[in-house]
Amino acid sequence: EKPIVLHVARLVEKKGTEYLIRAFVKISDDFPDVELV
């Protein structure tokens, strides 16, 4: 395992990718080594 949050989705509205990015922003300072792929 590596410090990766994985998101597998076609980039359309129903996949909620925007909300994942906004949520990731909120935790990025606490986990500077974690990547969102």
PDB file of all heavy atoms in Angstrom:
ATOM      1  N   GLU A   1       0.827  -1.217   0.000  1.00  0.00           N
ATOM      2  CA  GLU A   1       0.000   0.000   0.000  1.00  0.00           C
ATOM      3  C   GLU A   1       0.857   1.261   0.000  1.00  0.00           C
ATOM      4  O   GLU A   1       1.886   1.334   0.656  1.00  0.00           O
ATOM      5  CB  GLU A   1      -0.903  -0.015   1.235  1.00  0.00           C
ATOM      6  CG  GLU A   1      -1.757   1.214   1.393  1.00  0.00           C
ATOM      7  CD  GLU A   1      -2.457   1.241   2.746  1.00  0.00           C
ATOM      8  OE1 GLU A   1      -3.364   0.427   2.943  1.00  0.00           O
ATOM      9  OE2 GLU A   1      -2.069   2.075   3.598  1.00  0.00           O
ATOM     10  N   LYS A   2       0.392   2.261  -0.753  1.00  0.00           N
ATOM     11  CA  LYS A   2       1.045   3.570  -0.791  1.00  0.00           C
ATOM     12  C   LYS A   2       0.029   4.648  -0.373  1.00  0.00           C
ATOM     13  O   LYS A   2      -1.181   4.394  -0.378  1.00  0.00           O
ATOM     14  CB  LYS A   2       1.584   3.851  -2.191  1.00  0.00           C
ATOM     15  CG  LYS A   2       2.660   2.866  -2.646  1.00  0.00           C
ATOM     16  CD  LYS A   2       3.234   3.245  -3.984  1.00  0.00           C
ATOM     17  CE  LYS A   2       4.275   2.214  -4.428  1.00  0.00           C
ATOM     18  NZ  LYS A   2       5.381   2.076  -3.481  1.00  0.00           N
ATOM     19  N   PRO A   3       0.495   5.839   0.008  1.00  0.00           N
ATOM     20  CA  PRO A   3      -0.427   6.894   0.461  1.00  0.00           C
ATOM     21  C   PRO A   3      -1.183   7.515  -0.724  1.00  0.00           C
ATOM     22  O   PRO A   3      -0.889   8.625  -1.167  1.00  0.00           O
ATOM     23  CB  PRO A   3       0.504   7.905   1.140  1.00  0.00           C
ATOM     24  CG  PRO A   3       1.823   7.712   0.462  1.00  0.00           C
ATOM     25  CD  PRO A   3       1.909   6.247   0.142  1.00  0.00           C
ATOM     26  N   ILE A   4      -2.149   6.743  -1.228  1.00  0.00           N
ATOM     27  CA  ILE A   4      -2.908   7.161  -2.409  1.00  0.00           C
ATOM     28  C   ILE A   4      -4.405   7.024  -2.144  1.00  0.00           C
ATOM     29  O   ILE A   4      -4.864   5.966  -1.693  1.00  0.00           O
ATOM     30  CB  ILE A   4      -2.531   6.310  -3.644  1.00  0.00           C
ATOM     31  CG1 ILE A   4      -1.091   6.601  -4.083  1.00  0.00           C
ATOM     32  CG2 ILE A   4      -3.500   6.555  -4.801  1.00  0.00           C
ATOM     33  CD1 ILE A   4      -0.584   5.666  -5.159  1.00  0.00           C
ATOM     34  N   VAL A   5      -5.144   8.082  -2.411  1.00  0.00           N
ATOM     35  CA  VAL A   5      -6.603   8.014  -2.502  1.00  0.00           C
ATOM     36  C   VAL A   5      -6.906   7.863  -3.989  1.00  0.00           C
ATOM     37  O   VAL A   5      -6.560   8.740  -4.788  1.00  0.00           O
ATOM     38  CB  VAL A   5      -7.278   9.283  -1.942  1.00  0.00           C
ATOM     39  CG1 VAL A   5      -8.786   9.247  -2.194  1.00  0.00           C
ATOM     40  CG2 VAL A   5      -6.985   9.428  -0.453  1.00  0.00           C
ATOM     41  N   LEU A   6      -7.546   6.758  -4.351  1.00  0.00           N
ATOM     42  CA  LEU A   6      -7.808   6.471  -5.763  1.00  0.00           C
ATOM     43  C   LEU A   6      -9.262   6.763  -6.102  1.00  0.00           C
ATOM     44  O   LEU A   6     -10.175   6.454  -5.328  1.00  0.00           O
ATOM     45  CB  LEU A   6      -7.498   5.004  -6.063  1.00  0.00           C
ATOM     46  CG  LEU A   6      -7.670   4.553  -7.525  1.00  0.00           C
ATOM     47  CD1 LEU A   6      -6.690   5.278  -8.439  1.00  0.00           C
ATOM     48  CD2 LEU A   6      -7.498   3.043  -7.640  1.00  0.00           C
ATOM     49  N   HIS A   7      -9.469   7.360  -7.262  1.00  0.00           N
ATOM     50  CA  HIS A   7     -10.813   7.651  -7.774  1.00  0.00           C
ATOM     51  C   HIS A   7     -10.855   7.144  -9.209  1.00  0.00           C
ATOM     52  O   HIS A   7     -10.062   7.575 -10.054  1.00  0.00           O
ATOM     53  CB  HIS A   7     -11.072   9.160  -7.728  1.00  0.00           C
ATOM     54  CG  HIS A   7     -12.400   9.599  -8.254  1.00  0.00           C
ATOM     55  ND1 HIS A   7     -13.608   9.144  -7.752  1.00  0.00           N
ATOM     56  CD2 HIS A   7     -12.728  10.479  -9.252  1.00  0.00           C
ATOM     57  CE1 HIS A   7     -14.599   9.722  -8.397  1.00  0.00           C
ATOM     58  NE2 HIS A   7     -14.097  10.522  -9.319  1.00  0.00           N
ATOM     59  N   VAL A   8     -11.742   6.180  -9.482  1.00  0.00           N
ATOM     60  CA  VAL A   8     -11.883   5.605 -10.822  1.00  0.00           C
ATOM     61  C   VAL A   8     -13.262   5.973 -11.336  1.00  0.00           C
ATOM     62  O   VAL A   8     -14.281   5.507 -10.800  1.00  0.00           O
ATOM     63  CB  VAL A   8     -11.700   4.077 -10.792  1.00  0.00           C
ATOM     64  CG1 VAL A   8     -11.859   3.497 -12.198  1.00  0.00           C
ATOM     65  CG2 VAL A   8     -10.338   3.709 -10.211  1.00  0.00           C
ATOM     66  N   ALA A   9     -13.324   6.804 -12.367  1.00  0.00           N
ATOM     67  CA  ALA A   9     -14.630   7.297 -12.808  1.00  0.00           C
ATOM     68  C   ALA A   9     -14.516   8.005 -14.151  1.00  0.00           C
ATOM     69  O   ALA A   9     -13.506   8.642 -14.442  1.00  0.00           O
ATOM     70  CB  ALA A   9     -15.210   8.271 -11.785  1.00  0.00           C
ATOM     71  N   ARG A  10     -15.574   7.909 -14.935  1.00  0.00           N
ATOM     72  CA  ARG A  10     -15.697   8.790 -16.089  1.00  0.00           C
ATOM     73  C   ARG A  10     -15.973  10.185 -15.534  1.00  0.00           C
ATOM     74  O   ARG A  10     -16.763  10.350 -14.584  1.00  0.00           O
ATOM     75  CB  ARG A  10     -16.840   8.310 -16.982  1.00  0.00           C
ATOM     76  CG  ARG A  10     -17.089   9.210 -18.175  1.00  0.00           C
ATOM     77  CD  ARG A  10     -17.920   8.509 -19.243  1.00  0.00           C
ATOM     78  NE  ARG A  10     -18.570   9.454 -20.130  1.00  0.00           N
ATOM     79  CZ  ARG A  10     -17.962  10.166 -21.067  1.00  0.00           C
ATOM     80  NH1 ARG A  10     -16.657  10.039 -21.246  1.00  0.00           N
ATOM     81  NH2 ARG A  10     -18.631  11.008 -21.844  1.00  0.00           N
ATOM     82  N   LEU A  11     -15.333  11.186 -16.092  1.00  0.00           N
ATOM     83  CA  LEU A  11     -15.409  12.532 -15.521  1.00  0.00           C
ATOM     84  C   LEU A  11     -16.651  13.254 -16.020  1.00  0.00           C
ATOM     85  O   LEU A  11     -16.612  14.113 -16.906  1.00  0.00           O
ATOM     86  CB  LEU A  11     -14.133  13.299 -15.830  1.00  0.00           C
ATOM     87  CG  LEU A  11     -12.860  12.634 -15.283  1.00  0.00           C
ATOM     88  CD1 LEU A  11     -11.624  13.467 -15.575  1.00  0.00           C
ATOM     89  CD2 LEU A  11     -12.979  12.333 -13.790  1.00  0.00           C
ATOM     90  N   VAL A  12     -17.759  12.858 -15.397  1.00  0.00           N
ATOM     91  CA  VAL A  12     -19.067  13.467 -15.653  1.00  0.00           C
ATOM     92  C   VAL A  12     -19.673  13.836 -14.297  1.00  0.00           C
ATOM     93  O   VAL A  12     -19.187  13.409 -13.241  1.00  0.00           O
ATOM     94  CB  VAL A  12     -19.998  12.508 -16.423  1.00  0.00           C
ATOM     95  CG1 VAL A  12     -19.470  12.254 -17.834  1.00  0.00           C
ATOM     96  CG2 VAL A  12     -20.181  11.189 -15.671  1.00  0.00           C
ATOM     97  N   GLU A  13     -20.738  14.610 -14.326  1.00  0.00           N
ATOM     98  CA  GLU A  13     -21.293  15.180 -13.095  1.00  0.00           C
ATOM     99  C   GLU A  13     -21.620  14.130 -12.044  1.00  0.00           C
ATOM    100  O   GLU A  13     -21.319  14.299 -10.849  1.00  0.00           O
ATOM    101  CB  GLU A  13     -22.552  15.996 -13.425  1.00  0.00           C
ATOM    102  CG  GLU A  13     -23.156  16.689 -12.208  1.00  0.00           C
ATOM    103  CD  GLU A  13     -24.484  17.369 -12.506  1.00  0.00           C
ATOM    104  OE1 GLU A  13     -24.905  17.365 -13.704  1.00  0.00           O
ATOM    105  OE2 GLU A  13     -25.112  17.893 -11.567  1.00  0.00           O
ATOM    106  N   LYS A  14     -22.264  13.035 -12.453  1.00  0.00           N
ATOM    107  CA  LYS A  14     -22.769  12.075 -11.460  1.00  0.00           C
ATOM    108  C   LYS A  14     -21.668  11.373 -10.669  1.00  0.00           C
ATOM    109  O   LYS A  14     -21.936  10.784  -9.624  1.00  0.00           O
ATOM    110  CB  LYS A  14     -23.658  11.040 -12.131  1.00  0.00           C
ATOM    111  CG  LYS A  14     -22.942  10.037 -13.014  1.00  0.00           C
ATOM    112  CD  LYS A  14     -23.930   9.013 -13.577  1.00  0.00           C
ATOM    113  CE  LYS A  14     -23.255   8.041 -14.537  1.00  0.00           C
ATOM    114  NZ  LYS A  14     -24.243   7.076 -15.091  1.00  0.00           N
ATOM    115  N   LYS A  15     -20.422  11.437 -11.141  1.00  0.00           N
ATOM    116  CA  LYS A  15     -19.332  10.749 -10.436  1.00  0.00           C
ATOM    117  C   LYS A  15     -18.847  11.520  -9.211  1.00  0.00           C
ATOM    118  O   LYS A  15     -18.098  10.993  -8.392  1.00  0.00           O
ATOM    119  CB  LYS A  15     -18.170  10.491 -11.389  1.00  0.00           C
ATOM    120  CG  LYS A  15     -18.510   9.537 -12.527  1.00  0.00           C
ATOM    121  CD  LYS A  15     -18.889   8.148 -12.029  1.00  0.00           C
ATOM    122  CE  LYS A  15     -19.150   7.185 -13.174  1.00  0.00           C
ATOM    123  NZ  LYS A  15     -19.436   5.811 -12.697  1.00  0.00           N
ATOM    124  N   GLY A  16     -19.251  12.785  -9.078  1.00  0.00           N
ATOM    125  CA  GLY A  16     -18.942  13.541  -7.869  1.00  0.00           C
ATOM    126  C   GLY A  16     -17.468  13.895  -7.693  1.00  0.00           C
ATOM    127  O   GLY A  16     -17.032  14.199  -6.580  1.00  0.00           O
ATOM    128  N   THR A  17     -16.700  13.904  -8.772  1.00  0.00           N
ATOM    129  CA  THR A  17     -15.257  14.167  -8.686  1.00  0.00           C
ATOM    130  C   THR A  17     -14.967  15.544  -8.095  1.00  0.00           C
ATOM    131  O   THR A  17     -14.014  15.714  -7.319  1.00  0.00           O
ATOM    132  CB  THR A  17     -14.611  14.042 -10.076  1.00  0.00           C
ATOM    133  OG1 THR A  17     -15.037  12.819 -10.689  1.00  0.00           O
ATOM    134  CG2 THR A  17     -13.105  14.067  -9.984  1.00  0.00           C
ATOM    135  N   GLU A  18     -15.777  16.529  -8.447  1.00  0.00           N
ATOM    136  CA  GLU A  18     -15.584  17.879  -7.908  1.00  0.00           C
ATOM    137  C   GLU A  18     -15.608  17.868  -6.377  1.00  0.00           C
ATOM    138  O   GLU A  18     -14.780  18.519  -5.716  1.00  0.00           O
ATOM    139  CB  GLU A  18     -16.673  18.815  -8.431  1.00  0.00           C
ATOM    140  CG  GLU A  18     -16.642  20.188  -7.787  1.00  0.00           C
ATOM    141  CD  GLU A  18     -17.867  21.039  -8.102  1.00  0.00           C
ATOM    142  OE1 GLU A  18     -18.594  20.710  -9.074  1.00  0.00           O
ATOM    143  OE2 GLU A  18     -18.099  22.026  -7.373  1.00  0.00           O
ATOM    144  N   TYR A  19     -16.549  17.124  -5.804  1.00  0.00           N
ATOM    145  CA  TYR A  19     -16.708  17.108  -4.343  1.00  0.00           C
ATOM    146  C   TYR A  19     -15.561  16.353  -3.678  1.00  0.00           C
ATOM    147  O   TYR A  19     -15.149  16.695  -2.568  1.00  0.00           O
ATOM    148  CB  TYR A  19     -18.071  16.527  -3.977  1.00  0.00           C
ATOM    149  CG  TYR A  19     -19.172  17.283  -4.678  1.00  0.00           C
ATOM    150  CD1 TYR A  19     -19.766  16.784  -5.832  1.00  0.00           C
ATOM    151  CD2 TYR A  19     -19.555  18.557  -4.248  1.00  0.00           C
ATOM    152  CE1 TYR A  19     -20.744  17.494  -6.513  1.00  0.00           C
ATOM    153  CE2 TYR A  19     -20.516  19.286  -4.928  1.00  0.00           C
ATOM    154  CZ  TYR A  19     -21.107  18.752  -6.060  1.00  0.00           C
ATOM    155  OH  TYR A  19     -22.052  19.476  -6.744  1.00  0.00           O
ATOM    156  N   LEU A  20     -15.032  15.359  -4.371  1.00  0.00           N
ATOM    157  CA  LEU A  20     -13.863  14.662  -3.844  1.00  0.00           C
ATOM    158  C   LEU A  20     -12.659  15.600  -3.807  1.00  0.00           C
ATOM    159  O   LEU A  20     -11.916  15.626  -2.824  1.00  0.00           O
ATOM    160  CB  LEU A  20     -13.557  13.439  -4.709  1.00  0.00           C
ATOM    161  CG  LEU A  20     -12.294  12.666  -4.348  1.00  0.00           C
ATOM    162  CD1 LEU A  20     -12.329  12.191  -2.901  1.00  0.00           C
ATOM    163  CD2 LEU A  20     -12.105  11.486  -5.301  1.00  0.00           C
ATOM    164  N   ILE A  21     -12.468  16.372  -4.859  1.00  0.00           N
ATOM    165  CA  ILE A  21     -11.350  17.327  -4.889  1.00  0.00           C
ATOM    166  C   ILE A  21     -11.496  18.342  -3.761  1.00  0.00           C
ATOM    167  O   ILE A  21     -10.532  18.653  -3.050  1.00  0.00           O
ATOM    168  CB  ILE A  21     -11.284  18.030  -6.257  1.00  0.00           C
ATOM    169  CG1 ILE A  21     -10.869  17.030  -7.346  1.00  0.00           C
ATOM    170  CG2 ILE A  21     -10.311  19.207  -6.218  1.00  0.00           C
ATOM    171  CD1 ILE A  21     -11.018  17.556  -8.763  1.00  0.00           C
ATOM    172  N   ARG A  22     -12.711  18.856  -3.575  1.00  0.00           N
ATOM    173  CA  ARG A  22     -12.938  19.846  -2.511  1.00  0.00           C
ATOM    174  C   ARG A  22     -12.727  19.233  -1.128  1.00  0.00           C
ATOM    175  O   ARG A  22     -12.240  19.907  -0.197  1.00  0.00           O
ATOM    176  CB  ARG A  22     -14.341  20.438  -2.646  1.00  0.00           C
ATOM    177  CG  ARG A  22     -14.527  21.267  -3.916  1.00  0.00           C
ATOM    178  CD  ARG A  22     -15.897  21.928  -3.982  1.00  0.00           C
ATOM    179  NE  ARG A  22     -16.071  22.667  -5.231  1.00  0.00           N
ATOM    180  CZ  ARG A  22     -15.608  23.881  -5.477  1.00  0.00           C
ATOM    181  NH1 ARG A  22     -14.925  24.519  -4.528  1.00  0.00           N
ATOM    182  NH2 ARG A  22     -15.806  24.469  -6.641  1.00  0.00           N
ATOM    183  N   ALA A  23     -13.090  17.962  -0.971  1.00  0.00           N
ATOM    184  CA  ALA A  23     -12.855  17.290   0.308  1.00  0.00           C
ATOM    185  C   ALA A  23     -11.360  17.052   0.518  1.00  0.00           C
ATOM    186  O   ALA A  23     -10.847  17.197   1.642  1.00  0.00           O
ATOM    187  CB  ALA A  23     -13.616  15.964   0.339  1.00  0.00           C
ATOM    188  N   PHE A  24     -10.672  16.701  -0.548  1.00  0.00           N
ATOM    189  CA  PHE A  24      -9.228  16.435  -0.450  1.00  0.00           C
ATOM    190  C   PHE A  24      -8.479  17.702  -0.037  1.00  0.00           C
ATOM    191  O   PHE A  24      -7.498  17.634   0.721  1.00  0.00           O
ATOM    192  CB  PHE A  24      -8.716  15.901  -1.786  1.00  0.00           C
ATOM    193  CG  PHE A  24      -7.296  15.425  -1.730  1.00  0.00           C
ATOM    194  CD1 PHE A  24      -6.978  14.201  -1.159  1.00  0.00           C
ATOM    195  CD2 PHE A  24      -6.262  16.201  -2.250  1.00  0.00           C
ATOM    196  CE1 PHE A  24      -5.662  13.762  -1.092  1.00  0.00           C
ATOM    197  CE2 PHE A  24      -4.948  15.772  -2.190  1.00  0.00           C
ATOM    198  CZ  PHE A  24      -4.639  14.549  -1.608  1.00  0.00           C
ATOM    199  N   VAL A  25      -8.935  18.844  -0.504  1.00  0.00           N
ATOM    200  CA  VAL A  25      -8.324  20.118  -0.114  1.00  0.00           C
ATOM    201  C   VAL A  25      -8.336  20.273   1.402  1.00  0.00           C
ATOM    202  O   VAL A  25      -7.361  20.751   2.010  1.00  0.00           O
ATOM    203  CB  VAL A  25      -9.064  21.300  -0.771  1.00  0.00           C
ATOM    204  CG1 VAL A  25      -8.604  22.626  -0.191  1.00  0.00           C
ATOM    205  CG2 VAL A  25      -8.865  21.281  -2.286  1.00  0.00           C
ATOM    206  N   LYS A  26      -9.426  19.846   2.025  1.00  0.00           N
ATOM    207  CA  LYS A  26      -9.603  20.027   3.468  1.00  0.00           C
ATOM    208  C   LYS A  26      -8.636  19.168   4.286  1.00  0.00           C
ATOM    209  O   LYS A  26      -8.370  19.462   5.456  1.00  0.00           O
ATOM    210  CB  LYS A  26     -11.051  19.706   3.860  1.00  0.00           C
ATOM    211  CG  LYS A  26     -12.087  20.625   3.225  1.00  0.00           C
ATOM    212  CD  LYS A  26     -13.500  20.188   3.594  1.00  0.00           C
ATOM    213  CE  LYS A  26     -14.556  21.022   2.869  1.00  0.00           C
ATOM    214  NZ  LYS A  26     -14.501  22.458   3.243  1.00  0.00           N
ATOM    215  N   ILE A  27      -8.116  18.085   3.691  1.00  0.00           N
ATOM    216  CA  ILE A  27      -7.233  17.192   4.457  1.00  0.00           C
ATOM    217  C   ILE A  27      -5.787  17.235   3.956  1.00  0.00           C
ATOM    218  O   ILE A  27      -4.913  16.596   4.544  1.00  0.00           O
ATOM    219  CB  ILE A  27      -7.741  15.735   4.410  1.00  0.00           C
ATOM    220  CG1 ILE A  27      -7.693  15.196   2.979  1.00  0.00           C
ATOM    221  CG2 ILE A  27      -9.155  15.632   4.985  1.00  0.00           C
ATOM    222  CD1 ILE A  27      -7.954  13.695   2.885  1.00  0.00           C
ATOM    223  N   SER A  28      -5.539  17.966   2.904  1.00  0.00           N
ATOM    224  CA  SER A  28      -4.211  17.930   2.278  1.00  0.00           C
ATOM    225  C   SER A  28      -3.104  18.429   3.197  1.00  0.00           C
ATOM    226  O   SER A  28      -1.975  17.917   3.154  1.00  0.00           O
ATOM    227  CB  SER A  28      -4.212  18.723   0.968  1.00  0.00           C
ATOM    228  OG  SER A  28      -4.590  20.072   1.192  1.00  0.00           O
ATOM    229  N   ASP A  29      -3.393  19.397   4.043  1.00  0.00           N
ATOM    230  CA  ASP A  29      -2.356  19.903   4.953  1.00  0.00           C
ATOM    231  C   ASP A  29      -1.980  18.859   5.993  1.00  0.00           C
ATOM    232  O   ASP A  29      -0.819  18.759   6.405  1.00  0.00           O
ATOM    233  CB  ASP A  29      -2.832  21.175   5.654  1.00  0.00           C
ATOM    234  CG  ASP A  29      -2.827  22.384   4.729  1.00  0.00           C
ATOM    235  OD1 ASP A  29      -2.190  22.310   3.660  1.00  0.00           O
ATOM    236  OD2 ASP A  29      -3.479  23.393   5.058  1.00  0.00           O
ATOM    237  N   ASP A  30      -2.963  18.084   6.446  1.00  0.00           N
ATOM    238  CA  ASP A  30      -2.690  17.042   7.448  1.00  0.00           C
ATOM    239  C   ASP A  30      -1.974  15.844   6.845  1.00  0.00           C
ATOM    240  O   ASP A  30      -1.316  15.086   7.570  1.00  0.00           O
ATOM    241  CB  ASP A  30      -3.999  16.574   8.084  1.00  0.00           C
ATOM    242  CG  ASP A  30      -4.610  17.626   8.999  1.00  0.00           C
ATOM    243  OD1 ASP A  30      -3.901  18.578   9.363  1.00  0.00           O
ATOM    244  OD2 ASP A  30      -5.808  17.499   9.326  1.00  0.00           O
ATOM    245  N   PHE A  31      -2.122  15.655   5.534  1.00  0.00           N
ATOM    246  CA  PHE A  31      -1.498  14.510   4.867  1.00  0.00           C
ATOM    247  C   PHE A  31      -0.742  14.980   3.618  1.00  0.00           C
ATOM    248  O   PHE A  31      -1.139  14.703   2.485  1.00  0.00           O
ATOM    249  CB  PHE A  31      -2.566  13.476   4.475  1.00  0.00           C
ATOM    250  CG  PHE A  31      -3.355  12.933   5.617  1.00  0.00           C
ATOM    251  CD1 PHE A  31      -4.602  13.462   5.931  1.00  0.00           C
ATOM    252  CD2 PHE A  31      -2.853  11.907   6.406  1.00  0.00           C
ATOM    253  CE1 PHE A  31      -5.343  12.961   6.982  1.00  0.00           C
ATOM    254  CE2 PHE A  31      -3.587  11.396   7.473  1.00  0.00           C
ATOM    255  CZ  PHE A  31      -4.832  11.937   7.768  1.00  0.00           C
ATOM    256  N   PRO A  32       0.357  15.693   3.808  1.00  0.00           N
ATOM    257  CA  PRO A  32       1.079  16.273   2.659  1.00  0.00           C
ATOM    258  C   PRO A  32       1.678  15.230   1.722  1.00  0.00           C
ATOM    259  O   PRO A  32       1.988  15.544   0.566  1.00  0.00           O
ATOM    260  CB  PRO A  32       2.171  17.125   3.323  1.00  0.00           C
ATOM    261  CG  PRO A  32       2.347  16.528   4.687  1.00  0.00           C
ATOM    262  CD  PRO A  32       0.994  16.042   5.095  1.00  0.00           C
ATOM    263  N   ASP A  33       1.834  13.995   2.196  1.00  0.00           N
ATOM    264  CA  ASP A  33       2.419  12.947   1.361  1.00  0.00           C
ATOM    265  C   ASP A  33       1.360  12.134   0.607  1.00  0.00           C
ATOM    266  O   ASP A  33       1.713  11.296  -0.228  1.00  0.00           O
ATOM    267  CB  ASP A  33       3.261  11.989   2.212  1.00  0.00           C
ATOM    268  CG  ASP A  33       4.478  12.675   2.830  1.00  0.00           C
ATOM    269  OD1 ASP A  33       4.996  13.623   2.198  1.00  0.00           O
ATOM    270  OD2 ASP A  33       4.874  12.276   3.936  1.00  0.00           O
ATOM    271  N   VAL A  34       0.094  12.366   0.911  1.00  0.00           N
ATOM    272  CA  VAL A  34      -0.976  11.605   0.260  1.00  0.00           C
ATOM    273  C   VAL A  34      -1.298  12.224  -1.100  1.00  0.00           C
ATOM    274  O   VAL A  34      -1.372  13.451  -1.235  1.00  0.00           O
ATOM    275  CB  VAL A  34      -2.240  11.562   1.142  1.00  0.00           C
ATOM    276  CG1 VAL A  34      -3.400  10.917   0.386  1.00  0.00           C
ATOM    277  CG2 VAL A  34      -1.950  10.777   2.422  1.00  0.00           C
ATOM    278  N   GLU A  35      -1.499  11.365  -2.083  1.00  0.00           N
ATOM    279  CA  GLU A  35      -1.856  11.816  -3.420  1.00  0.00           C
ATOM    280  C   GLU A  35      -3.278  11.372  -3.752  1.00  0.00           C
ATOM    281  O   GLU A  35      -3.719  10.293  -3.316  1.00  0.00           O
ATOM    282  CB  GLU A  35      -0.895  11.237  -4.462  1.00  0.00           C
ATOM    283  CG  GLU A  35       0.554  11.653  -4.268  1.00  0.00           C
ATOM    284  CD  GLU A  35       1.459  10.984  -5.290  1.00  0.00           C
ATOM    285  OE1 GLU A  35       1.182   9.826  -5.665  1.00  0.00           O
ATOM    286  OE2 GLU A  35       2.440  11.618  -5.704  1.00  0.00           O
ATOM    287  N   LEU A  36      -3.969  12.200  -4.516  1.00  0.00           N
ATOM    288  CA  LEU A  36      -5.259  11.832  -5.079  1.00  0.00           C
ATOM    289  C   LEU A  36      -5.025  11.483  -6.546  1.00  0.00           C
ATOM    290  O   LEU A  36      -4.608  12.338  -7.338  1.00  0.00           O
ATOM    291  CB  LEU A  36      -6.259  12.984  -4.955  1.00  0.00           C
ATOM    292  CG  LEU A  36      -7.605  12.814  -5.687  1.00  0.00           C
ATOM    293  CD1 LEU A  36      -8.347  11.576  -5.206  1.00  0.00           C
ATOM    294  CD2 LEU A  36      -8.468  14.065  -5.503  1.00  0.00           C
ATOM    295  N   VAL A  37      -5.256  10.244  -6.896  1.00  0.00           N
ATOM    296  CA  VAL A  37      -5.039   9.760  -8.261  1.00  0.00           C
ATOM    297  C   VAL A  37      -6.401   9.518  -8.903  1.00  0.00           C
ATOM    298  O   VAL A  37      -7.218   8.751  -8.378  1.00  0.00           O
ATOM    299  CB  VAL A  37      -4.195   8.472  -8.278  1.00  0.00           C
ATOM    300  CG1 VAL A  37      -4.103   7.904  -9.702  1.00  0.00           C
ATOM    301  CG2 VAL A  37      -2.798   8.746  -7.724  1.00  0.00           C
TER     302      VAL A  37
END
